[in-house]
N, C-alpha and C. Protein backbone atom coordinates (compact mmCIF):
# COMPACT_ATOMS: atom_id res chain seq x y z
N MET A 1 -14.48 -3.19 16.51
CA MET A 1 -13.50 -1.72 16.98
C MET A 1 -14.06 -2.31 18.23
N ALA A 2 -12.79 -1.78 19.24
CA ALA A 2 -12.71 -1.08 20.11
C ALA A 2 -13.26 0.07 20.81
N ASP A 3 -13.92 0.38 21.85
CA ASP A 3 -14.09 1.88 21.88
C ASP A 3 -13.12 2.84 22.36
N LYS A 4 -11.62 2.88 22.02
CA LYS A 4 -10.71 3.52 22.44
C LYS A 4 -10.95 4.82 22.05
N THR A 5 -10.23 5.61 22.85
CA THR A 5 -10.54 7.37 22.92
C THR A 5 -9.48 7.77 22.08
N ALA A 6 -9.06 9.23 21.82
CA ALA A 6 -8.12 9.80 20.97
C ALA A 6 -6.83 10.02 22.86
N LYS A 7 -7.72 10.05 23.74
CA LYS A 7 -6.79 9.66 24.98
C LYS A 7 -6.05 9.16 25.25
N HIS A 8 -6.66 7.27 24.87
CA HIS A 8 -6.25 6.12 24.97
C HIS A 8 -4.56 6.06 24.32
N TYR A 9 -5.03 6.33 22.72
CA TYR A 9 -3.53 6.63 22.06
C TYR A 9 -2.78 7.00 22.09
N ILE A 10 -2.74 8.85 22.68
CA ILE A 10 -2.13 9.78 23.36
C ILE A 10 -1.40 9.15 24.42
N ASP A 11 -2.08 8.58 25.02
CA ASP A 11 -1.07 8.40 26.52
C ASP A 11 -0.53 6.95 26.43
N ARG A 12 -0.84 6.13 25.19
CA ARG A 12 -0.46 5.08 24.57
C ARG A 12 1.43 4.94 23.64
N ALA A 13 0.91 5.55 22.99
CA ALA A 13 2.27 6.51 21.89
C ALA A 13 3.08 6.90 23.21
N LEU A 14 2.69 8.21 24.47
CA LEU A 14 3.97 8.72 24.90
C LEU A 14 4.63 8.22 25.93
N GLN A 15 3.83 6.54 26.63
CA GLN A 15 4.60 5.94 27.03
C GLN A 15 5.49 5.43 26.72
N LYS A 16 5.24 4.42 25.22
CA LYS A 16 6.48 3.94 24.15
C LYS A 16 7.71 5.05 24.42
N LEU A 17 7.61 6.28 23.95
CA LEU A 17 8.79 6.99 24.51
C LEU A 17 9.20 7.19 25.18
N LEU A 18 8.77 6.39 26.51
CA LEU A 18 8.81 6.46 28.13
C LEU A 18 8.79 7.76 28.29
N VAL A 19 8.41 8.85 27.72
CA VAL A 19 7.97 10.51 28.73
C VAL A 19 6.86 10.56 29.28
N LYS A 20 6.06 9.96 29.25
CA LYS A 20 4.87 9.72 29.95
C LYS A 20 4.45 8.10 30.58
N GLN A 21 4.34 8.48 32.20
CA GLN A 21 4.47 7.53 33.18
C GLN A 21 2.34 7.09 33.04
N ALA A 22 2.20 5.86 32.95
CA ALA A 22 0.72 5.61 33.45
C ALA A 22 0.18 6.07 34.67
N GLY A 23 -1.05 6.54 34.40
CA GLY A 23 -1.74 6.99 35.80
C GLY A 23 -1.92 8.90 35.74
N VAL A 24 -0.15 9.14 35.01
CA VAL A 24 -0.09 10.48 34.99
C VAL A 24 -1.25 11.39 33.72
N ASP A 25 -2.09 12.34 34.40
CA ASP A 25 -2.36 12.88 32.58
C ASP A 25 -1.46 14.26 32.26
N LEU A 26 -1.35 14.08 31.09
CA LEU A 26 -1.09 15.69 30.25
C LEU A 26 -1.66 16.65 30.96
N THR A 27 -1.36 17.91 29.72
CA THR A 27 -2.60 18.91 30.16
C THR A 27 -3.18 18.89 28.99
N THR A 28 -4.35 19.47 29.24
CA THR A 28 -5.56 19.79 28.13
C THR A 28 -4.99 20.07 26.26
N LEU A 29 -3.47 21.26 26.43
CA LEU A 29 -3.22 21.64 25.52
C LEU A 29 -2.28 20.20 24.26
N GLU A 30 -1.48 19.94 25.47
CA GLU A 30 -0.62 18.84 24.71
C GLU A 30 -1.60 17.56 24.29
N TYR A 31 -3.28 17.16 24.90
CA TYR A 31 -3.57 16.61 24.64
C TYR A 31 -4.04 16.90 22.93
N LEU A 32 -4.60 18.25 22.79
CA LEU A 32 -5.45 18.74 22.05
C LEU A 32 -3.81 18.30 20.53
N ASP A 33 -2.47 18.91 21.27
CA ASP A 33 -2.00 18.52 20.09
C ASP A 33 -1.31 17.20 19.25
N GLY A 34 -1.87 16.50 20.78
CA GLY A 34 -2.16 14.47 20.37
C GLY A 34 -2.97 14.49 19.14
N VAL A 35 -4.05 14.82 19.66
CA VAL A 35 -5.72 14.87 18.74
C VAL A 35 -5.03 15.52 17.59
N ASP A 36 -4.31 16.57 16.98
CA ASP A 36 -4.22 17.32 15.98
C ASP A 36 -3.30 16.26 14.74
N GLN A 37 -2.19 15.78 16.01
CA GLN A 37 -1.16 14.57 15.37
C GLN A 37 -1.77 13.73 14.57
N LEU A 38 -3.08 12.99 15.57
CA LEU A 38 -3.73 11.78 15.09
C LEU A 38 -4.58 11.97 13.89
N ASN A 39 -5.37 13.55 13.84
CA ASN A 39 -5.93 13.73 13.12
C ASN A 39 -5.18 13.23 11.88
N ASP A 40 -4.32 14.27 11.66
CA ASP A 40 -3.34 14.66 10.38
C ASP A 40 -2.62 12.84 10.47
N ILE A 41 -2.20 12.27 11.10
CA ILE A 41 -1.66 10.72 10.44
C ILE A 41 -2.95 10.11 9.94
N MET A 42 -4.13 10.01 10.23
CA MET A 42 -5.35 9.32 9.51
C MET A 42 -5.50 9.61 8.24
N GLU A 43 -5.53 11.57 7.73
CA GLU A 43 -5.41 11.88 7.29
C GLU A 43 -4.25 11.63 6.15
N GLU A 44 -3.28 11.20 6.05
CA GLU A 44 -2.24 10.66 5.26
C GLU A 44 -2.41 9.60 5.32
N GLU A 45 -2.46 8.43 6.14
CA GLU A 45 -3.18 7.26 5.32
C GLU A 45 -4.29 6.93 4.71
N ASP A 46 -5.39 7.94 4.96
CA ASP A 46 -6.38 7.91 3.69
C ASP A 46 -5.91 8.18 2.83
N GLY A 47 -4.90 9.27 2.50
CA GLY A 47 -4.47 9.50 1.48
C GLY A 47 -3.46 9.24 1.12
N ILE A 48 -2.62 7.63 0.92
CA ILE A 48 -2.55 6.65 0.81
C ILE A 48 -3.04 5.34 -0.04
N ASN A 49 -4.23 5.47 0.63
CA ASN A 49 -5.46 5.03 -0.25
C ASN A 49 -5.72 3.77 1.50
N ASN A 50 -4.80 3.84 2.42
CA ASN A 50 -5.17 2.98 3.99
C ASN A 50 -7.07 3.51 4.22
N LYS A 51 -7.96 3.19 3.87
CA LYS A 51 -9.03 3.49 4.10
C LYS A 51 -9.30 2.56 5.66
N LEU A 52 -9.21 3.30 6.64
CA LEU A 52 -9.26 2.61 8.35
C LEU A 52 -10.61 3.10 8.23
N GLY A 53 -11.62 3.30 8.13
CA GLY A 53 -12.68 4.26 8.63
C GLY A 53 -12.79 5.18 9.30
N PHE A 54 -11.88 5.58 9.45
CA PHE A 54 -11.06 6.86 10.69
C PHE A 54 -12.58 8.23 10.76
N THR A 55 -12.67 8.59 11.41
CA THR A 55 -13.40 9.73 11.72
C THR A 55 -12.83 10.72 12.03
N VAL A 56 -12.87 12.03 12.04
CA VAL A 56 -12.63 13.22 12.45
C VAL A 56 -12.43 13.53 13.67
N LEU A 57 -11.48 13.65 14.98
CA LEU A 57 -11.10 13.69 16.34
C LEU A 57 -11.48 15.29 16.64
N THR A 58 -12.48 15.68 17.89
CA THR A 58 -12.68 17.02 17.75
C THR A 58 -12.18 17.02 19.19
N ASP A 59 -12.05 16.20 19.65
CA ASP A 59 -11.73 16.41 21.56
C ASP A 59 -11.02 15.26 21.86
N VAL A 60 -11.09 15.05 22.78
CA VAL A 60 -9.58 13.60 23.65
C VAL A 60 -10.44 12.94 23.63
N ASN A 61 -11.69 13.01 23.89
CA ASN A 61 -12.70 11.58 24.34
C ASN A 61 -13.03 11.33 23.15
N ASP A 62 -12.82 11.88 22.19
CA ASP A 62 -13.70 11.45 20.64
C ASP A 62 -13.09 9.95 20.51
N PRO A 63 -13.89 8.76 20.38
CA PRO A 63 -13.55 7.05 20.37
C PRO A 63 -12.79 7.19 19.08
N VAL A 64 -11.83 6.61 18.74
CA VAL A 64 -10.60 6.55 17.44
C VAL A 64 -11.83 5.42 17.04
N THR A 65 -12.28 5.53 15.51
CA THR A 65 -13.01 4.66 14.71
C THR A 65 -11.97 4.08 13.94
N ILE A 66 -11.10 2.60 14.20
CA ILE A 66 -10.37 2.18 12.96
C ILE A 66 -10.49 0.75 13.48
N PRO A 67 -10.10 -0.46 12.74
CA PRO A 67 -10.33 -1.50 13.63
C PRO A 67 -9.24 -2.17 14.17
N ASP A 68 -9.89 -3.45 15.22
CA ASP A 68 -8.24 -3.22 15.96
C ASP A 68 -6.98 -3.87 15.50
N TRP A 69 -6.93 -4.41 14.80
CA TRP A 69 -5.85 -4.59 13.81
C TRP A 69 -5.02 -3.78 13.54
N ALA A 70 -5.40 -2.45 12.96
CA ALA A 70 -4.82 -0.71 13.17
C ALA A 70 -4.26 -0.90 14.26
N THR A 71 -4.66 -0.87 15.74
CA THR A 71 -4.42 0.12 16.29
C THR A 71 -2.89 0.41 17.09
N GLY A 72 -2.15 -0.86 16.47
CA GLY A 72 -0.70 -0.99 17.08
C GLY A 72 0.22 -0.12 16.23
N TYR A 73 -0.71 0.23 15.01
CA TYR A 73 0.47 0.58 14.09
C TYR A 73 0.41 2.28 14.17
N ILE A 74 -0.99 2.67 14.31
CA ILE A 74 -1.60 4.18 14.87
C ILE A 74 -1.27 4.78 15.66
N ILE A 75 -1.01 3.24 17.27
CA ILE A 75 0.27 3.72 18.29
C ILE A 75 1.34 4.34 18.26
N ALA A 76 1.73 3.42 17.49
CA ALA A 76 3.49 3.11 16.99
C ALA A 76 3.96 4.33 16.34
N ARG A 77 2.99 4.86 15.13
CA ARG A 77 3.29 5.34 14.23
C ARG A 77 2.70 7.30 14.66
N LEU A 78 1.95 7.32 15.44
CA LEU A 78 2.12 8.84 17.14
C LEU A 78 2.99 8.36 18.06
N ALA A 79 3.56 7.51 18.24
CA ALA A 79 4.60 7.63 18.93
C ALA A 79 6.10 8.01 18.36
N VAL A 80 6.09 7.66 17.16
CA VAL A 80 7.07 8.28 15.94
C VAL A 80 7.20 9.51 15.94
N ASP A 81 5.80 10.26 15.88
CA ASP A 81 5.53 11.63 14.70
C ASP A 81 5.89 12.69 15.97
N LEU A 82 4.89 12.47 17.37
CA LEU A 82 5.09 13.16 18.64
C LEU A 82 6.63 13.20 19.60
N ALA A 83 7.71 11.90 18.79
CA ALA A 83 8.69 12.25 19.65
C ALA A 83 9.48 13.36 19.76
N SER A 84 9.67 14.13 18.50
CA SER A 84 10.48 15.56 18.12
C SER A 84 9.34 16.63 19.64
N GLU A 85 8.35 16.09 19.05
CA GLU A 85 7.83 17.85 20.38
C GLU A 85 8.48 17.26 21.10
N TYR A 86 8.58 16.24 22.42
CA TYR A 86 8.55 15.68 23.51
C TYR A 86 10.40 15.72 23.57
N GLY A 87 11.23 16.15 22.59
CA GLY A 87 12.58 15.80 22.80
C GLY A 87 12.88 14.36 22.87
N ALA A 88 12.16 13.67 22.75
CA ALA A 88 12.20 12.30 23.21
C ALA A 88 13.32 11.09 22.15
N LYS A 89 14.39 10.60 22.62
CA LYS A 89 14.86 9.78 21.60
C LYS A 89 14.54 8.74 20.41
N LEU A 90 14.49 8.61 19.67
CA LEU A 90 13.45 7.67 19.01
C LEU A 90 13.84 6.32 18.79
N PRO A 91 13.63 5.27 19.72
CA PRO A 91 13.70 4.06 19.74
C PRO A 91 14.52 3.24 17.96
N VAL A 92 15.25 2.75 18.07
CA VAL A 92 15.29 1.92 16.78
C VAL A 92 14.23 1.09 16.88
N SER A 93 14.21 0.66 18.04
CA SER A 93 12.99 -0.70 18.27
C SER A 93 11.51 -0.01 17.48
N LEU A 94 11.31 1.15 17.87
CA LEU A 94 9.82 1.88 17.68
C LEU A 94 9.64 2.01 15.73
N VAL A 95 11.16 1.91 15.39
CA VAL A 95 11.04 1.94 14.36
C VAL A 95 10.62 1.46 13.53
N ALA A 96 11.20 0.03 13.66
CA ALA A 96 11.37 -1.10 13.12
C ALA A 96 9.84 -1.52 13.49
N GLU A 97 9.16 -1.26 14.03
CA GLU A 97 8.02 -1.85 14.63
C GLU A 97 7.15 -1.17 13.73
N VAL A 98 7.27 -0.09 14.19
CA VAL A 98 6.55 1.18 12.69
C VAL A 98 6.74 0.40 11.34
N GLU A 99 7.51 0.07 10.91
CA GLU A 99 7.90 -0.68 9.45
C GLU A 99 7.13 -1.71 9.27
N ARG A 100 7.36 -2.50 10.30
CA ARG A 100 6.37 -3.63 10.16
C ARG A 100 5.17 -3.63 10.50
N ARG A 101 5.05 -3.27 10.94
CA ARG A 101 3.11 -2.66 11.33
C ARG A 101 2.32 -2.41 9.82
N GLU A 102 3.08 -1.07 9.39
CA GLU A 102 3.07 -0.72 8.26
C GLU A 102 2.44 -1.61 6.97
N ASN A 103 3.87 -3.03 7.48
CA ASN A 103 3.56 -3.95 5.55
C ASN A 103 2.48 -4.40 6.45
N SER A 104 2.14 -4.72 7.67
CA SER A 104 1.12 -5.38 7.45
C SER A 104 -0.25 -4.82 7.23
N ILE A 105 -0.49 -3.55 7.67
CA ILE A 105 -1.64 -2.60 7.20
C ILE A 105 -1.83 -2.73 5.83
N ARG A 106 -0.47 -2.35 4.94
CA ARG A 106 -0.59 -2.35 3.78
C ARG A 106 -1.57 -3.83 2.92
N ARG A 107 -0.55 -4.73 3.23
CA ARG A 107 -2.03 -6.14 3.18
C ARG A 107 -3.21 -6.21 3.01
N ARG A 108 -3.59 -5.80 4.54
CA ARG A 108 -4.67 -5.87 4.26
C ARG A 108 -5.34 -4.87 4.36
N THR A 109 -4.76 -3.38 3.62
CA THR A 109 -5.55 -2.99 2.64
C THR A 109 -5.81 -2.11 1.58
N VAL A 110 -4.70 -3.25 0.35
CA VAL A 110 -4.60 -3.37 -0.80
C VAL A 110 -5.65 -3.69 -1.01
N GLU A 111 -6.08 -3.65 -2.45
CA GLU A 111 -7.38 -4.26 -2.81
C GLU A 111 -7.18 -5.08 -4.34
N ASP A 112 -7.25 -6.21 -4.67
CA ASP A 112 -6.82 -6.70 -5.69
C ASP A 112 -8.11 -6.50 -5.95
N PHE A 113 -7.62 -6.38 -7.71
CA PHE A 113 -8.67 -6.33 -8.92
C PHE A 113 -8.42 -7.54 -10.11
N ASP A 114 -9.47 -8.02 -10.73
CA ASP A 114 -8.89 -8.44 -12.05
C ASP A 114 -9.33 -7.37 -13.26
N VAL A 115 -8.16 -7.53 -14.00
CA VAL A 115 -7.93 -7.03 -15.45
C VAL A 115 -8.90 -7.63 -16.21
N HIS A 116 -9.58 -7.10 -16.93
CA HIS A 116 -10.18 -7.43 -18.12
C HIS A 116 -10.13 -6.94 -19.52
N PHE A 117 -9.09 -7.47 -19.92
CA PHE A 117 -8.92 -6.89 -21.64
C PHE A 117 -10.36 -7.31 -22.49
N PRO A 118 -10.35 -6.16 -23.91
CA PRO A 118 -11.95 -6.61 -24.48
C PRO A 118 -11.11 -7.65 -25.47
N GLU A 119 -11.90 -8.55 -26.16
CA GLU A 119 -11.36 -8.84 -26.73
C GLU A 119 -10.98 -8.66 -28.21
N THR A 120 -11.14 -7.64 -28.66
CA THR A 120 -10.65 -6.84 -29.98
C THR A 120 -9.16 -6.44 -29.56
N LEU A 121 -8.87 -6.55 -28.15
CA LEU A 121 -7.43 -6.36 -27.76
C LEU A 121 -6.57 -6.95 -28.78
N PRO A 122 -5.18 -6.65 -29.26
CA PRO A 122 -4.42 -7.42 -30.05
C PRO A 122 -3.54 -7.62 -29.17
N ARG A 123 -3.42 -9.39 -29.09
CA ARG A 123 -2.85 -10.65 -27.95
C ARG A 123 -1.44 -10.80 -28.83
N GLY A 124 -0.42 -10.25 -28.65
CA GLY A 124 1.00 -11.16 -29.02
C GLY A 124 1.30 -11.48 -30.74
N THR A 125 2.26 -11.96 -30.58
CA THR A 125 2.49 -12.08 -31.98
C THR A 125 2.19 -13.76 -32.36
N THR A 126 2.89 -14.45 -33.37
CA THR A 126 2.70 -15.87 -34.14
C THR A 126 3.66 -16.41 -32.96
N PHE A 127 5.01 -15.61 -32.49
CA PHE A 127 5.88 -16.09 -31.40
C PHE A 127 5.21 -16.97 -30.25
N PHE A 128 4.02 -16.99 -29.69
CA PHE A 128 3.47 -17.30 -28.62
C PHE A 128 2.20 -17.75 -28.61
N ASP A 129 1.83 -17.69 -29.88
CA ASP A 129 0.52 -18.48 -29.81
C ASP A 129 0.04 -18.54 -31.10
N ASP A 130 -1.49 -18.95 -31.46
CA ASP A 130 -1.83 -19.10 -33.18
C ASP A 130 -2.52 -17.57 -33.68
N GLU A 131 -2.78 -16.91 -32.59
CA GLU A 131 -3.39 -15.69 -33.10
C GLU A 131 -2.25 -14.61 -33.61
N HIS A 132 -2.79 -13.98 -34.61
CA HIS A 132 -1.72 -12.62 -34.69
C HIS A 132 -2.36 -12.13 -34.36
N PHE A 133 -1.03 -10.95 -34.51
CA PHE A 133 -1.13 -9.11 -33.81
C PHE A 133 -2.82 -9.11 -35.51
N TYR A 134 -1.94 -9.28 -36.19
CA TYR A 134 -3.03 -8.44 -36.90
C TYR A 134 -4.09 -9.09 -37.55
N GLU A 135 -5.10 -8.69 -38.04
CA GLU A 135 -5.41 -9.46 -39.00
C GLU A 135 -5.27 -10.31 -40.73
N ASN A 136 -4.12 -9.28 -41.33
CA ASN A 136 -3.82 -9.73 -41.87
C ASN A 136 -2.16 -10.38 -41.64
N PRO A 137 -1.33 -10.89 -41.07
CA PRO A 137 -0.19 -11.39 -41.12
C PRO A 137 0.37 -11.06 -41.69
N ARG A 138 2.29 -10.54 -41.63
CA ARG A 138 2.72 -10.90 -43.18
C ARG A 138 3.06 -12.78 -42.99
N ILE A 139 3.97 -13.02 -44.18
CA ILE A 139 3.91 -14.20 -44.83
C ILE A 139 5.31 -14.40 -44.36
N ASN A 140 5.82 -14.06 -43.79
CA ASN A 140 7.17 -14.39 -43.09
C ASN A 140 7.55 -14.42 -41.83
N ASP A 141 7.38 -15.80 -41.03
CA ASP A 141 6.95 -15.42 -39.90
C ASP A 141 8.06 -16.93 -39.64
N VAL A 142 7.97 -17.41 -38.16
CA VAL A 142 9.33 -17.86 -37.56
C VAL A 142 8.72 -19.26 -37.24
N ASP A 143 9.27 -20.49 -37.75
CA ASP A 143 8.56 -21.87 -36.90
C ASP A 143 8.90 -21.79 -35.11
N THR A 144 8.15 -21.86 -34.42
CA THR A 144 8.60 -22.04 -33.19
C THR A 144 9.74 -22.83 -32.71
N ASP A 145 8.86 -24.17 -33.10
CA ASP A 145 9.69 -25.33 -33.06
C ASP A 145 11.23 -25.69 -33.77
N THR A 146 11.42 -24.85 -34.74
CA THR A 146 12.89 -24.98 -35.41
C THR A 146 13.70 -23.95 -36.11
N ASP A 147 13.21 -22.94 -35.52
CA ASP A 147 13.59 -21.10 -35.64
C ASP A 147 13.71 -21.31 -36.96
N ASP A 148 12.87 -21.76 -38.00
CA ASP A 148 13.17 -21.87 -39.05
C ASP A 148 12.23 -20.37 -40.25
N TRP A 149 12.10 -20.06 -40.74
CA TRP A 149 11.18 -18.62 -41.82
C TRP A 149 10.26 -19.50 -42.21
N ILE A 150 9.30 -19.87 -41.76
CA ILE A 150 8.20 -20.08 -42.71
C ILE A 150 7.06 -18.89 -43.51
N ASP A 151 6.38 -19.69 -44.77
CA ASP A 151 5.08 -18.67 -45.18
C ASP A 151 3.89 -19.09 -44.48
N GLU A 152 3.14 -18.13 -44.88
CA GLU A 152 1.69 -18.02 -44.03
C GLU A 152 1.29 -19.94 -44.07
N ASP A 153 1.52 -20.72 -44.89
CA ASP A 153 0.71 -22.06 -44.90
C ASP A 153 1.98 -22.98 -44.45
N GLY A 154 3.29 -22.43 -44.13
CA GLY A 154 4.10 -23.27 -42.78
C GLY A 154 5.14 -23.77 -44.04
N THR A 155 5.91 -23.83 -45.13
CA THR A 155 6.48 -24.36 -45.34
C THR A 155 7.99 -23.06 -45.62
N PRO A 156 8.92 -23.99 -45.21
CA PRO A 156 10.20 -23.01 -45.43
C PRO A 156 10.37 -21.94 -46.49
N VAL A 157 10.87 -20.63 -45.75
CA VAL A 157 11.26 -19.96 -46.81
C VAL A 157 12.88 -19.80 -46.84
N GLU A 158 13.07 -19.50 -48.18
CA GLU A 158 14.80 -19.24 -48.00
C GLU A 158 15.48 -17.80 -47.55
N GLU A 159 16.20 -18.03 -46.39
CA GLU A 159 16.73 -16.71 -45.86
C GLU A 159 16.46 -15.52 -46.83
N ASP A 160 17.32 -15.06 -48.35
CA ASP A 160 17.29 -14.36 -49.21
C ASP A 160 16.31 -13.83 -49.33
N ALA A 161 15.16 -14.71 -49.11
CA ALA A 161 13.40 -14.24 -49.97
C ALA A 161 12.53 -13.47 -48.99
N ILE A 162 13.41 -13.17 -47.69
CA ILE A 162 12.75 -12.63 -46.49
C ILE A 162 12.03 -11.16 -46.36
N ASP A 163 11.11 -10.96 -46.20
CA ASP A 163 10.85 -9.99 -46.80
C ASP A 163 10.87 -8.78 -45.52
N VAL A 164 11.37 -8.07 -44.85
CA VAL A 164 11.63 -8.03 -43.33
C VAL A 164 11.30 -6.57 -43.60
């Protein structure tokens, strides 16, 4: 994680919107609005299970504690969220960037997990394997190779004798 401050993120977001030129500082109130917006974004990301390791910001000079691979997404997302406050026209390319980067973030933060079912859980019927759904299966079943009805010892059963 790079030591980038909230000021860096806010400046970069407003530069993406062409609202701020490099080297020109905003007012203290504008920076504090940006800090609030950045906190809101990160709280929302945390709420949808994108755990980026963010710590709440209280000042414009606080370091933003997220991985480097998430920086571009957060800057682009902040730019989109700040656009209406500055009356900036939202470029279509910026919206597309946010979507692209958001998909990348999702792939990195979604955890895969294995599901282990208990051995006692019924699994399927004889249509799929040799195990029965219940301990005492019905005697009328279907031979999956021939689609003929059979009894429990495998002998064919007349269709009018089938207990359905």
